[in-house]
Amino acid sequence: MPLTPTPRTPEHDQDGWHRAALLILDTINCFDFEGGEQLEARAIGAAQAIVRLRDEMRARDWPIVYVNDNFGHWHSDSSALVAAAVRGGSRLARILQPSATDYFIIKPQFSGFYATNLPVLLPKLGVRRLILTGVATDICVLFTAADAHMRDYQLWVPCDAVAAESDERSNWALNIMAKAMGANIDSTTELSLDCWRERSEAHCGS
């Protein structure tokens, strides 16, 4: 059986300040836990914005990185996680299935940086800006944003591209990311990729 093609990275870290990476968090998910039904319904509402961003990133040839929980399946891989979610009836997983050119990081905890190769991958992709999307705003998105902020990444967390079990929980986390981490939380209808890039360049004095 032929191996599925996977994206390759340069051997050395790249200088690509103009580039950003799109992180899609925990959307390959069966939502078979307490509160999962509410979360998936809200996540499907965010899927349209995620798809728009994903399509724009692909058009620019900028990296898309799925960062997904292993849900306790330590012997799993990306294809098995996707197949299990789709087979389990996840509407979100069907909408947001990764392509062969997307990167896929499996994480064991809330943050996409904790005990994963994401801290090694991002410099090799030559990015210093991250767009965080997916679920849940107040858990995995928030913890990943905190770790990204401590590593000096510029952040955009579009409020219409993330979801939590309630608007209150999502707004609480978004406010923390905006005030404590300097993240832009404008929606994808309020802010374009080019405008965000220009603002972050001005903020950094480049």
Protein backbone atom coordinates (compact mmCIF):
# COMPACT_ATOMS: atom_id res chain seq x y z
CA MET A 1 0.00 0.00 0.00
CA PRO A 2 1.61 3.33 -1.08
CA LEU A 3 2.35 5.86 1.60
CA THR A 4 0.27 9.04 1.68
CA PRO A 5 2.40 12.03 0.57
CA THR A 6 3.29 14.36 3.41
CA PRO A 7 4.53 17.96 3.29
CA ARG A 8 8.27 18.43 3.73
CA THR A 9 9.98 21.27 5.56
CA PRO A 10 13.36 22.89 4.85
CA GLU A 11 16.33 21.43 6.70
CA HIS A 12 17.13 24.78 8.34
CA ASP A 13 15.00 27.46 9.96
CA GLN A 14 13.64 29.98 7.46
CA ASP A 15 13.43 33.77 7.52
CA GLY A 16 9.81 34.47 6.59
CA TRP A 17 8.50 37.32 8.70
CA HIS A 18 5.93 38.14 6.02
CA ARG A 19 4.36 34.69 6.34
CA ALA A 20 1.80 33.41 8.80
CA ALA A 21 0.64 29.92 9.72
CA LEU A 22 -2.96 28.91 10.28
CA LEU A 23 -3.43 26.64 13.30
CA ILE A 24 -6.67 24.63 13.35
CA LEU A 25 -7.18 23.24 16.83
CA ASP A 26 -9.10 20.07 17.78
CA THR A 27 -11.61 20.13 14.92
CA ILE A 28 -10.98 16.45 14.14
CA ASN A 29 -13.16 15.41 17.02
CA CYS A 30 -15.97 13.00 17.82
CA PHE A 31 -17.40 15.37 20.47
CA ASP A 32 -18.43 12.32 22.49
CA PHE A 33 -18.10 13.97 25.89
CA GLU A 34 -20.29 16.01 28.22
CA GLY A 35 -21.04 19.32 26.51
CA GLY A 36 -19.73 17.99 23.21
CA GLU A 37 -23.02 18.37 21.37
CA GLN A 38 -23.25 22.07 22.23
CA LEU A 39 -19.60 22.60 21.38
CA GLU A 40 -19.86 20.93 17.98
CA ALA A 41 -22.93 22.98 17.07
CA ARG A 42 -21.06 26.19 17.85
CA ALA A 43 -17.93 24.94 16.10
CA ILE A 44 -19.89 24.26 12.92
CA GLY A 45 -20.92 27.91 13.09
CA ALA A 46 -17.21 28.82 13.09
CA ALA A 47 -16.33 26.39 10.31
CA GLN A 48 -17.24 28.78 7.49
CA ALA A 49 -14.70 31.34 8.70
CA ILE A 50 -12.06 28.62 9.16
CA VAL A 51 -12.66 27.35 5.62
CA ARG A 52 -12.31 30.88 4.22
CA LEU A 53 -9.01 31.35 6.02
CA ARG A 54 -7.79 27.91 4.98
CA ASP A 55 -8.59 28.57 1.33
CA GLU A 56 -6.80 31.93 1.42
CA MET A 57 -3.75 30.40 3.09
CA ARG A 58 -3.61 27.66 0.45
CA ALA A 59 -3.85 30.25 -2.32
CA ARG A 60 -0.82 32.04 -0.84
CA ASP A 61 1.05 28.78 -0.24
CA TRP A 62 1.25 29.61 3.47
CA PRO A 63 1.28 26.73 5.96
CA ILE A 64 -1.81 25.18 7.51
CA VAL A 65 -1.20 23.18 10.66
CA TYR A 66 -3.86 20.99 12.23
CA VAL A 67 -3.13 20.64 15.95
CA ASN A 68 -5.26 17.91 17.43
CA ASP A 69 -5.69 16.02 20.67
CA ASN A 70 -4.91 12.33 20.63
CA PHE A 71 -7.94 11.67 22.90
CA GLY A 72 -5.92 9.14 24.84
CA HIS A 73 -5.07 7.02 21.79
CA TRP A 74 -1.30 6.99 22.11
CA HIS A 75 -0.75 4.70 19.12
CA SER A 76 -2.88 6.80 16.80
CA ASP A 77 -1.85 8.92 13.81
CA SER A 78 -3.49 11.68 11.81
CA SER A 79 -5.26 9.43 9.29
CA ALA A 80 -6.65 7.25 12.08
CA LEU A 81 -7.93 10.27 14.00
CA VAL A 82 -9.63 11.69 10.90
CA ALA A 83 -11.17 8.33 9.99
CA ALA A 84 -12.46 7.78 13.54
CA ALA A 85 -14.06 11.23 13.70
CA VAL A 86 -15.74 10.91 10.30
CA ARG A 87 -16.85 7.37 11.06
CA GLY A 88 -18.22 8.60 14.38
CA GLY A 89 -20.48 11.04 12.58
CA SER A 90 -18.63 14.29 13.25
CA ARG A 91 -20.02 16.93 10.89
CA LEU A 92 -17.14 19.27 11.74
CA ALA A 93 -14.50 16.68 10.84
CA ARG A 94 -16.17 16.12 7.47
CA ILE A 95 -16.16 19.87 6.74
CA LEU A 96 -12.58 20.45 7.90
CA GLN A 97 -10.74 17.33 6.79
CA PRO A 98 -7.06 18.14 6.18
CA SER A 99 -5.46 17.77 2.78
CA ALA A 100 -2.24 15.91 2.01
CA THR A 101 -0.33 19.22 1.93
CA ASP A 102 -1.43 20.30 5.43
CA TYR A 103 0.68 19.62 8.50
CA PHE A 104 -0.81 17.61 11.35
CA ILE A 105 0.45 17.78 14.93
CA ILE A 106 -0.92 15.41 17.57
CA LYS A 107 -0.88 16.87 21.08
CA PRO A 108 -1.30 15.14 24.45
CA GLN A 109 -2.49 18.17 26.43
CA PHE A 110 -4.31 21.50 26.06
CA SER A 111 -1.51 23.52 24.45
CA GLY A 112 -0.37 22.80 20.92
CA PHE A 113 3.18 23.56 22.06
CA TYR A 114 3.34 21.18 25.02
CA ALA A 115 5.26 17.95 24.28
CA THR A 116 4.83 18.32 20.50
CA ASN A 117 7.12 19.21 17.61
CA LEU A 118 5.23 22.45 16.90
CA PRO A 119 8.03 24.61 18.44
CA VAL A 120 10.47 23.00 15.98
CA LEU A 121 8.14 23.04 12.97
CA LEU A 122 7.17 26.72 13.02
CA PRO A 123 10.71 28.16 12.68
CA LYS A 124 11.38 25.75 9.82
CA LEU A 125 8.27 27.09 8.09
CA GLY A 126 9.61 30.63 8.53
CA VAL A 127 6.63 32.14 10.32
CA ARG A 128 6.38 34.59 13.21
CA ARG A 129 2.63 35.15 12.99
CA LEU A 130 -0.07 32.67 13.95
CA ILE A 131 -3.79 32.58 13.28
CA LEU A 132 -5.50 30.43 15.91
CA THR A 133 -8.84 28.81 15.10
CA GLY A 134 -10.92 25.88 16.30
CA VAL A 135 -12.04 24.64 19.72
CA ALA A 136 -12.36 25.24 22.49
CA THR A 137 -11.75 28.96 22.85
CA ASP A 138 -11.46 28.79 26.63
CA ILE A 139 -9.28 25.68 26.80
CA CYS A 140 -6.99 24.54 23.98
CA VAL A 141 -7.08 27.78 22.00
CA LEU A 142 -6.35 29.80 25.14
CA PHE A 143 -3.49 27.57 26.32
CA THR A 144 -1.95 27.49 22.84
CA ALA A 145 -2.22 31.28 22.58
CA ALA A 146 -0.44 31.69 25.93
CA ASP A 147 2.45 29.49 24.84
CA ALA A 148 2.65 31.26 21.48
CA HIS A 149 2.70 34.65 23.20
CA MET A 150 5.57 33.57 25.46
CA ARG A 151 7.47 32.66 22.27
CA ASP A 152 6.86 36.14 20.78
CA TYR A 153 4.47 35.11 18.02
CA GLN A 154 2.07 37.76 16.74
CA LEU A 155 -1.46 36.42 17.20
CA TRP A 156 -4.79 36.72 15.46
CA VAL A 157 -7.62 34.76 17.07
CA PRO A 158 -10.66 35.61 14.90
CA CYS A 159 -13.71 35.61 17.15
CA ASP A 160 -15.84 34.02 14.42
CA ALA A 161 -13.35 31.18 13.81
CA VAL A 162 -13.28 29.77 17.36
CA ALA A 163 -15.95 28.23 19.55
CA ALA A 164 -16.63 27.20 23.15
CA GLU A 165 -19.61 25.59 24.85
CA SER A 166 -21.13 29.04 25.43
CA ASP A 167 -20.65 32.59 24.17
CA GLU A 168 -19.80 33.67 27.72
CA ARG A 169 -16.89 31.24 27.96
CA SER A 170 -15.65 32.14 24.49
CA ASN A 171 -15.82 35.89 25.13
CA TRP A 172 -14.07 35.50 28.49
CA ALA A 173 -11.14 33.70 26.85
CA LEU A 174 -10.99 36.10 23.90
CA ASN A 175 -10.75 39.05 26.27
CA ILE A 176 -7.85 37.42 28.10
CA MET A 177 -6.03 36.77 24.83
CA ALA A 178 -6.59 40.34 23.69
CA LYS A 179 -5.63 42.07 26.93
CA ALA A 180 -2.91 39.79 28.29
CA MET A 181 -1.38 38.46 25.08
CA GLY A 182 -1.90 41.29 22.62
CA ALA A 183 -3.92 39.07 20.29
CA ASN A 184 -6.12 40.60 17.64
CA ILE A 185 -9.60 39.12 18.06
CA ASP A 186 -11.38 40.88 15.18
CA SER A 187 -13.61 38.62 13.10
CA THR A 188 -12.70 37.54 9.57
CA THR A 189 -15.34 39.92 8.26
CA GLU A 190 -13.78 42.85 10.13
CA LEU A 191 -10.14 42.15 9.31
CA SER A 192 -8.42 40.75 6.23
CA LEU A 193 -5.23 38.73 6.23
CA ASP A 194 -3.36 41.58 4.53
CA CYS A 195 -4.61 44.20 6.99
CA TRP A 196 -3.63 42.04 9.96
CA ARG A 197 -0.17 41.53 8.50
CA GLU A 198 0.26 45.27 7.99
CA ARG A 199 -0.88 46.01 11.54
CA SER A 200 1.47 43.45 13.05
CA GLU A 201 4.38 44.79 11.00
CA ALA A 202 3.65 48.30 12.25
CA HIS A 203 3.39 47.02 15.83
CA CYS A 204 6.80 45.40 15.58
CA GLY A 205 8.35 48.38 13.88
CA SER A 206 9.30 46.49 10.77
